[in-house]
C-alpha atoms as a PDB file:
ATOM      1  CA  MET A   1       0.000   0.000   0.000  1.00  0.00           C
ATOM      2  CA  GLY A   2       2.905   2.392   0.457  1.00  0.00           C
ATOM      3  CA  PRO A   3       5.229   3.069  -2.487  1.00  0.00           C
ATOM      4  CA  GLU A   4       3.035   1.290  -5.041  1.00  0.00           C
ATOM      5  CA  ILE A   5       0.176   3.777  -4.565  1.00  0.00           C
ATOM      6  CA  LEU A   6       2.554   6.717  -4.985  1.00  0.00           C
ATOM      7  CA  GLN A   7       3.971   5.177  -8.172  1.00  0.00           C
ATOM      8  CA  VAL A   8       0.477   4.617  -9.645  1.00  0.00           C
ATOM      9  CA  ALA A   9      -0.631   8.145  -8.680  1.00  0.00           C
ATOM     10  CA  GLN A  10       2.484   9.650 -10.264  1.00  0.00           C
ATOM     11  CA  GLU A  11       1.855   7.743 -13.507  1.00  0.00           C
ATOM     12  CA  LYS A  12      -1.774   8.940 -13.572  1.00  0.00           C
ATOM     13  CA  VAL A  13      -0.667  12.552 -13.032  1.00  0.00           C
ATOM     14  CA  LEU A  14       1.823  12.284 -15.914  1.00  0.00           C
ATOM     15  CA  LEU A  15      -0.893  10.788 -18.157  1.00  0.00           C
ATOM     16  CA  ILE A  16      -3.271  13.630 -17.283  1.00  0.00           C
ATOM     17  CA  GLN A  17      -0.558  16.224 -17.950  1.00  0.00           C
ATOM     18  CA  MET A  18       0.216  14.723 -21.366  1.00  0.00           C
ATOM     19  CA  ARG A  19      -3.467  14.672 -22.349  1.00  0.00           C
ATOM     20  CA  MET A  20      -3.947  18.280 -21.196  1.00  0.00           C
ATOM     21  CA  LYS A  21      -0.897  19.339 -23.227  1.00  0.00           C
ATOM     22  CA  ALA A  22      -2.278  17.565 -26.307  1.00  0.00           C
ATOM     23  CA  ALA A  23      -5.673  19.266 -25.880  1.00  0.00           C
ATOM     24  CA  GLN A  24      -4.029  22.678 -25.440  1.00  0.00           C
ATOM     25  CA  ASP A  25      -1.907  22.176 -28.555  1.00  0.00           C
ATOM     26  CA  ARG A  26      -4.978  21.110 -30.541  1.00  0.00           C
ATOM     27  CA  GLN A  27      -6.939  24.208 -29.426  1.00  0.00           C
ATOM     28  CA  LYS A  28      -3.949  26.446 -30.243  1.00  0.00           C
ATOM     29  CA  ASN A  29      -3.801  25.028 -33.769  1.00  0.00           C
ATOM     30  CA  TYR A  30      -7.540  25.691 -34.233  1.00  0.00           C
ATOM     31  CA  ALA A  31      -7.142  29.279 -33.027  1.00  0.00           C
ATOM     32  CA  ASP A  32      -3.990  29.944 -35.054  1.00  0.00           C
ATOM     33  CA  ALA A  33      -5.670  28.750 -38.253  1.00  0.00           C
ATOM     34  CA  LYS A  34      -8.190  31.609 -37.979  1.00  0.00           C
ATOM     35  CA  ARG A  35      -5.577  34.268 -37.236  1.00  0.00           C
ATOM     36  CA  LYS A  36      -3.733  36.211 -39.864  1.00  0.00           C
ATOM     37  CA  GLU A  37      -1.017  38.794 -39.530  1.00  0.00           C
ATOM     38  CA  LEU A  38      -2.234  42.246 -40.455  1.00  0.00           C
ATOM     39  CA  LYS A  39       0.047  44.826 -42.022  1.00  0.00           C
ATOM     40  CA  PHE A  40      -0.973  48.449 -42.276  1.00  0.00           C
ATOM     41  CA  LEU A  41       0.510  51.119 -44.490  1.00  0.00           C
ATOM     42  CA  VAL A  42       0.598  54.836 -43.807  1.00  0.00           C
ATOM     43  CA  GLY A  43      -2.699  56.346 -44.895  1.00  0.00           C
ATOM     44  CA  ASP A  44      -4.747  53.164 -44.429  1.00  0.00           C
ATOM     45  CA  ASN A  45      -7.852  53.289 -42.279  1.00  0.00           C
ATOM     46  CA  ALA A  46      -8.316  50.835 -39.427  1.00  0.00           C
ATOM     47  CA  PHE A  47     -10.931  50.070 -36.810  1.00  0.00           C
ATOM     48  CA  LEU A  48      -9.878  49.458 -33.201  1.00  0.00           C
ATOM     49  CA  LYS A  49     -11.463  46.636 -31.251  1.00  0.00           C
ATOM     50  CA  ILE A  50     -12.528  47.618 -27.768  1.00  0.00           C
ATOM     51  CA  ALA A  51     -12.959  45.146 -24.953  1.00  0.00           C
ATOM     52  CA  PRO A  52     -16.487  45.081 -23.562  1.00  0.00           C
ATOM     53  CA  MET A  53     -16.735  45.842 -19.865  1.00  0.00           C
ATOM     54  CA  ARG A  54     -19.748  44.887 -17.844  1.00  0.00           C
ATOM     55  CA  GLY A  55     -21.835  47.845 -16.719  1.00  0.00           C
ATOM     56  CA  VAL A  56     -19.836  50.454 -18.637  1.00  0.00           C
ATOM     57  CA  ILE A  57     -21.735  52.768 -20.961  1.00  0.00           C
ATOM     58  CA  ARG A  58     -19.686  53.525 -24.056  1.00  0.00           C
ATOM     59  CA  PHE A  59     -20.835  55.940 -26.711  1.00  0.00           C
ATOM     60  CA  GLY A  60     -24.301  56.114 -25.174  1.00  0.00           C
ATOM     61  CA  LYS A  61     -24.982  52.382 -25.513  1.00  0.00           C
ATOM     62  CA  ARG A  62     -24.982  49.646 -22.887  1.00  0.00           C
ATOM     63  CA  GLY A  63     -24.725  45.864 -23.027  1.00  0.00           C
ATOM     64  CA  LYS A  64     -25.213  44.052 -26.329  1.00  0.00           C
ATOM     65  CA  LEU A  65     -25.733  47.290 -28.218  1.00  0.00           C
ATOM     66  CA  SER A  66     -22.388  48.823 -27.238  1.00  0.00           C
ATOM     67  CA  PRO A  67     -19.977  48.977 -30.178  1.00  0.00           C
ATOM     68  CA  ARG A  68     -17.293  46.322 -30.510  1.00  0.00           C
ATOM     69  CA  PHE A  69     -15.111  48.435 -32.805  1.00  0.00           C
ATOM     70  CA  ILE A  70     -14.461  52.167 -33.011  1.00  0.00           C
ATOM     71  CA  GLY A  71     -13.073  54.149 -35.883  1.00  0.00           C
ATOM     72  CA  PRO A  72     -12.043  54.344 -38.617  1.00  0.00           C
ATOM     73  CA  PHE A  73      -8.683  55.827 -37.698  1.00  0.00           C
ATOM     74  CA  GLU A  74      -6.002  56.771 -40.184  1.00  0.00           C
ATOM     75  CA  VAL A  75      -2.628  55.071 -39.786  1.00  0.00           C
ATOM     76  CA  LEU A  76       0.046  57.733 -39.339  1.00  0.00           C
ATOM     77  CA  ARG A  77       3.809  57.566 -39.590  1.00  0.00           C
ATOM     78  CA  TYR A  78       5.573  57.565 -36.246  1.00  0.00           C
ATOM     79  CA  VAL A  79       8.211  60.246 -35.901  1.00  0.00           C
ATOM     80  CA  ALA A  80      10.825  59.358 -33.316  1.00  0.00           C
ATOM     81  CA  ASP A  81      11.003  61.895 -30.510  1.00  0.00           C
ATOM     82  CA  LEU A  82      13.353  61.801 -27.525  1.00  0.00           C
ATOM     83  CA  SER A  83      10.559  63.014 -25.246  1.00  0.00           C
ATOM     84  CA  HIS A  84       8.808  59.661 -25.807  1.00  0.00           C
ATOM     85  CA  ILE A  85      11.642  57.780 -24.103  1.00  0.00           C
ATOM     86  CA  LEU A  86      10.858  56.958 -20.492  1.00  0.00           C
ATOM     87  CA  SER A  87      13.580  57.037 -17.916  1.00  0.00           C
ATOM     88  CA  TYR A  88      13.362  55.071 -14.712  1.00  0.00           C
ATOM     89  CA  GLU A  89      15.410  54.227 -11.698  1.00  0.00           C
ATOM     90  CA  PRO A  90      15.454  50.561 -10.709  1.00  0.00           C
ATOM     91  CA  LEU A  91      13.516  49.787  -7.536  1.00  0.00           C
ATOM     92  CA  GLN A  92      15.323  48.586  -4.445  1.00  0.00           C
ATOM     93  CA  LEU A  93      13.457  45.313  -3.883  1.00  0.00           C
ATOM     94  CA  LYS A  94      13.491  43.402  -0.625  1.00  0.00           C
ATOM     95  CA  ALA A  95      13.917  39.628  -0.417  1.00  0.00           C
ATOM     96  CA  ASP A  96      10.127  39.140  -0.583  1.00  0.00           C
ATOM     97  CA  LEU A  97      10.005  41.271  -3.789  1.00  0.00           C
ATOM     98  CA  SER A  98       8.319  44.222  -2.069  1.00  0.00           C
ATOM     99  CA  TYR A  99       9.586  47.788  -1.859  1.00  0.00           C
ATOM    100  CA  GLU A 100       9.048  50.686   0.495  1.00  0.00           C
ATOM    101  CA  GLU A 101       7.231  53.847  -0.532  1.00  0.00           C
ATOM    102  CA  THR A 102       8.371  56.937   1.337  1.00  0.00           C
ATOM    103  CA  PRO A 103       7.626  60.577   0.631  1.00  0.00           C
ATOM    104  CA  ILE A 104      10.564  62.737  -0.409  1.00  0.00           C
ATOM    105  CA  GLN A 105       9.085  66.199  -0.066  1.00  0.00           C
ATOM    106  CA  ILE A 106       5.879  68.173   0.290  1.00  0.00           C
ATOM    107  CA  LEU A 107       4.992  70.024  -2.911  1.00  0.00           C
ATOM    108  CA  ASP A 108       1.822  71.919  -2.019  1.00  0.00           C
ATOM    109  CA  HIS A 109      -0.929  72.246   0.543  1.00  0.00           C
ATOM    110  CA  LYS A 110      -4.643  73.035   0.439  1.00  0.00           C
ATOM    111  CA  GLN A 111      -7.618  73.170   2.754  1.00  0.00           C
ATOM    112  CA  GLN A 112     -11.014  71.655   2.072  1.00  0.00           C
ATOM    113  CA  VAL A 113     -13.849  73.444   3.837  1.00  0.00           C
ATOM    114  CA  LEU A 114     -16.777  71.262   4.849  1.00  0.00           C
ATOM    115  CA  GLN A 115     -19.960  72.360   6.611  1.00  0.00           C
ATOM    116  CA  ASN A 116     -18.553  72.408  10.127  1.00  0.00           C
ATOM    117  CA  ARG A 117     -14.812  71.767   9.786  1.00  0.00           C
ATOM    118  CA  THR A 118     -11.760  72.306   7.631  1.00  0.00           C
ATOM    119  CA  ILE A 119      -9.453  69.498   6.462  1.00  0.00           C
ATOM    120  CA  SER A 120      -5.838  70.288   5.553  1.00  0.00           C
ATOM    121  CA  TYR A 121      -4.164  68.319   2.780  1.00  0.00           C
ATOM    122  CA  VAL A 122      -0.567  68.223   1.556  1.00  0.00           C
ATOM    123  CA  LYS A 123       0.643  67.038  -1.831  1.00  0.00           C
ATOM    124  CA  GLY A 124       3.492  64.580  -1.307  1.00  0.00           C
ATOM    125  CA  LEU A 125       6.138  63.511  -3.806  1.00  0.00           C
ATOM    126  CA  TRP A 126       6.951  59.822  -3.293  1.00  0.00           C
ATOM    127  CA  ASN A 127      10.341  58.248  -3.959  1.00  0.00           C
ATOM    128  CA  ASN A 128       9.441  55.937  -6.870  1.00  0.00           C
ATOM    129  CA  HIS A 129       7.077  58.331  -8.682  1.00  0.00           C
ATOM    130  CA  GLY A 130       7.241  61.512 -10.714  1.00  0.00           C
ATOM    131  CA  ILE A 131       5.697  64.887  -9.930  1.00  0.00           C
ATOM    132  CA  GLN A 132       2.619  64.115 -12.048  1.00  0.00           C
ATOM    133  CA  GLU A 133       1.913  61.155  -9.731  1.00  0.00           C
ATOM    134  CA  ALA A 134       2.096  63.163  -6.493  1.00  0.00           C
ATOM    135  CA  LEU A 135      -0.792  62.387  -4.151  1.00  0.00           C
ATOM    136  CA  TRP A 136      -2.913  64.527  -1.841  1.00  0.00           C
ATOM    137  CA  GLU A 137      -2.785  63.168   1.706  1.00  0.00           C
ATOM    138  CA  LYS A 138      -4.220  64.417   4.995  1.00  0.00           C
ATOM    139  CA  GLU A 139      -1.707  66.739   6.616  1.00  0.00           C
ATOM    140  CA  GLY A 140      -2.177  65.339  10.142  1.00  0.00           C
ATOM    141  CA  GLU A 141      -1.506  61.776   9.050  1.00  0.00           C
ATOM    142  CA  MET A 142       1.565  62.783   7.042  1.00  0.00           C
ATOM    143  CA  GLN A 143       2.886  64.828   9.956  1.00  0.00           C
ATOM    144  CA  MET A 144       2.533  61.885  12.345  1.00  0.00           C
ATOM    145  CA  GLU A 145       4.164  59.351   9.999  1.00  0.00           C
ATOM    146  CA  TYR A 146       6.807  61.576   8.371  1.00  0.00           C
ATOM    147  CA  PRO A 147       7.664  64.473  10.726  1.00  0.00           C
ATOM    148  CA  HIS A 148      11.009  65.039   8.982  1.00  0.00           C
ATOM    149  CA  LEU A 149       9.157  66.555   5.996  1.00  0.00           C
ATOM    150  CA  PHE A 150       7.837  69.389   8.150  1.00  0.00           C
ATOM    151  CA  ASP A 151       9.916  72.019   9.921  1.00  0.00           C
ATOM    152  CA  ASP A 152       9.591  72.846  13.644  1.00  0.00           C
ATOM    153  CA  SER A 153       6.495  75.012  13.154  1.00  0.00           C
ATOM    154  CA  GLY A 154       4.595  72.096  11.610  1.00  0.00           C
ATOM    155  CA  LYS A 155       4.610  73.558   8.080  1.00  0.00           C
ATOM    156  CA  PHE A 156       6.569  72.203   5.157  1.00  0.00           C
END
């Protein structure tokens, strides 16, 4: 009952894996037969397929009546521009593949006036993000967690 059962189970698992691989390959061949590589030239018109999302109203239609394709759009020539190149700094990952987000500086502050109180917010620049990704956070929470960003008077 010991090693024989393990040997039989291992053989069954291998058989199942081989049959699943054969079925996947067969389905891939069926799908690839219907696909064709499209090539567009400058000046051609093309429609873009949009993925349907449940509950989203696109172009004033919902559900089955929402369009599957939008367009036509004219194919343009791409002109290389150095401003399109993204620069990044590699993240310092920990052993568990996580990284720490810490604010670098406070960029701005604002106050939101509600009916009976005022809430102060600060816009913080975080270490792995650009200025366009700066987030508005509550000033009190930021001051408690990151007091080094504020001077002695409590302002940034």
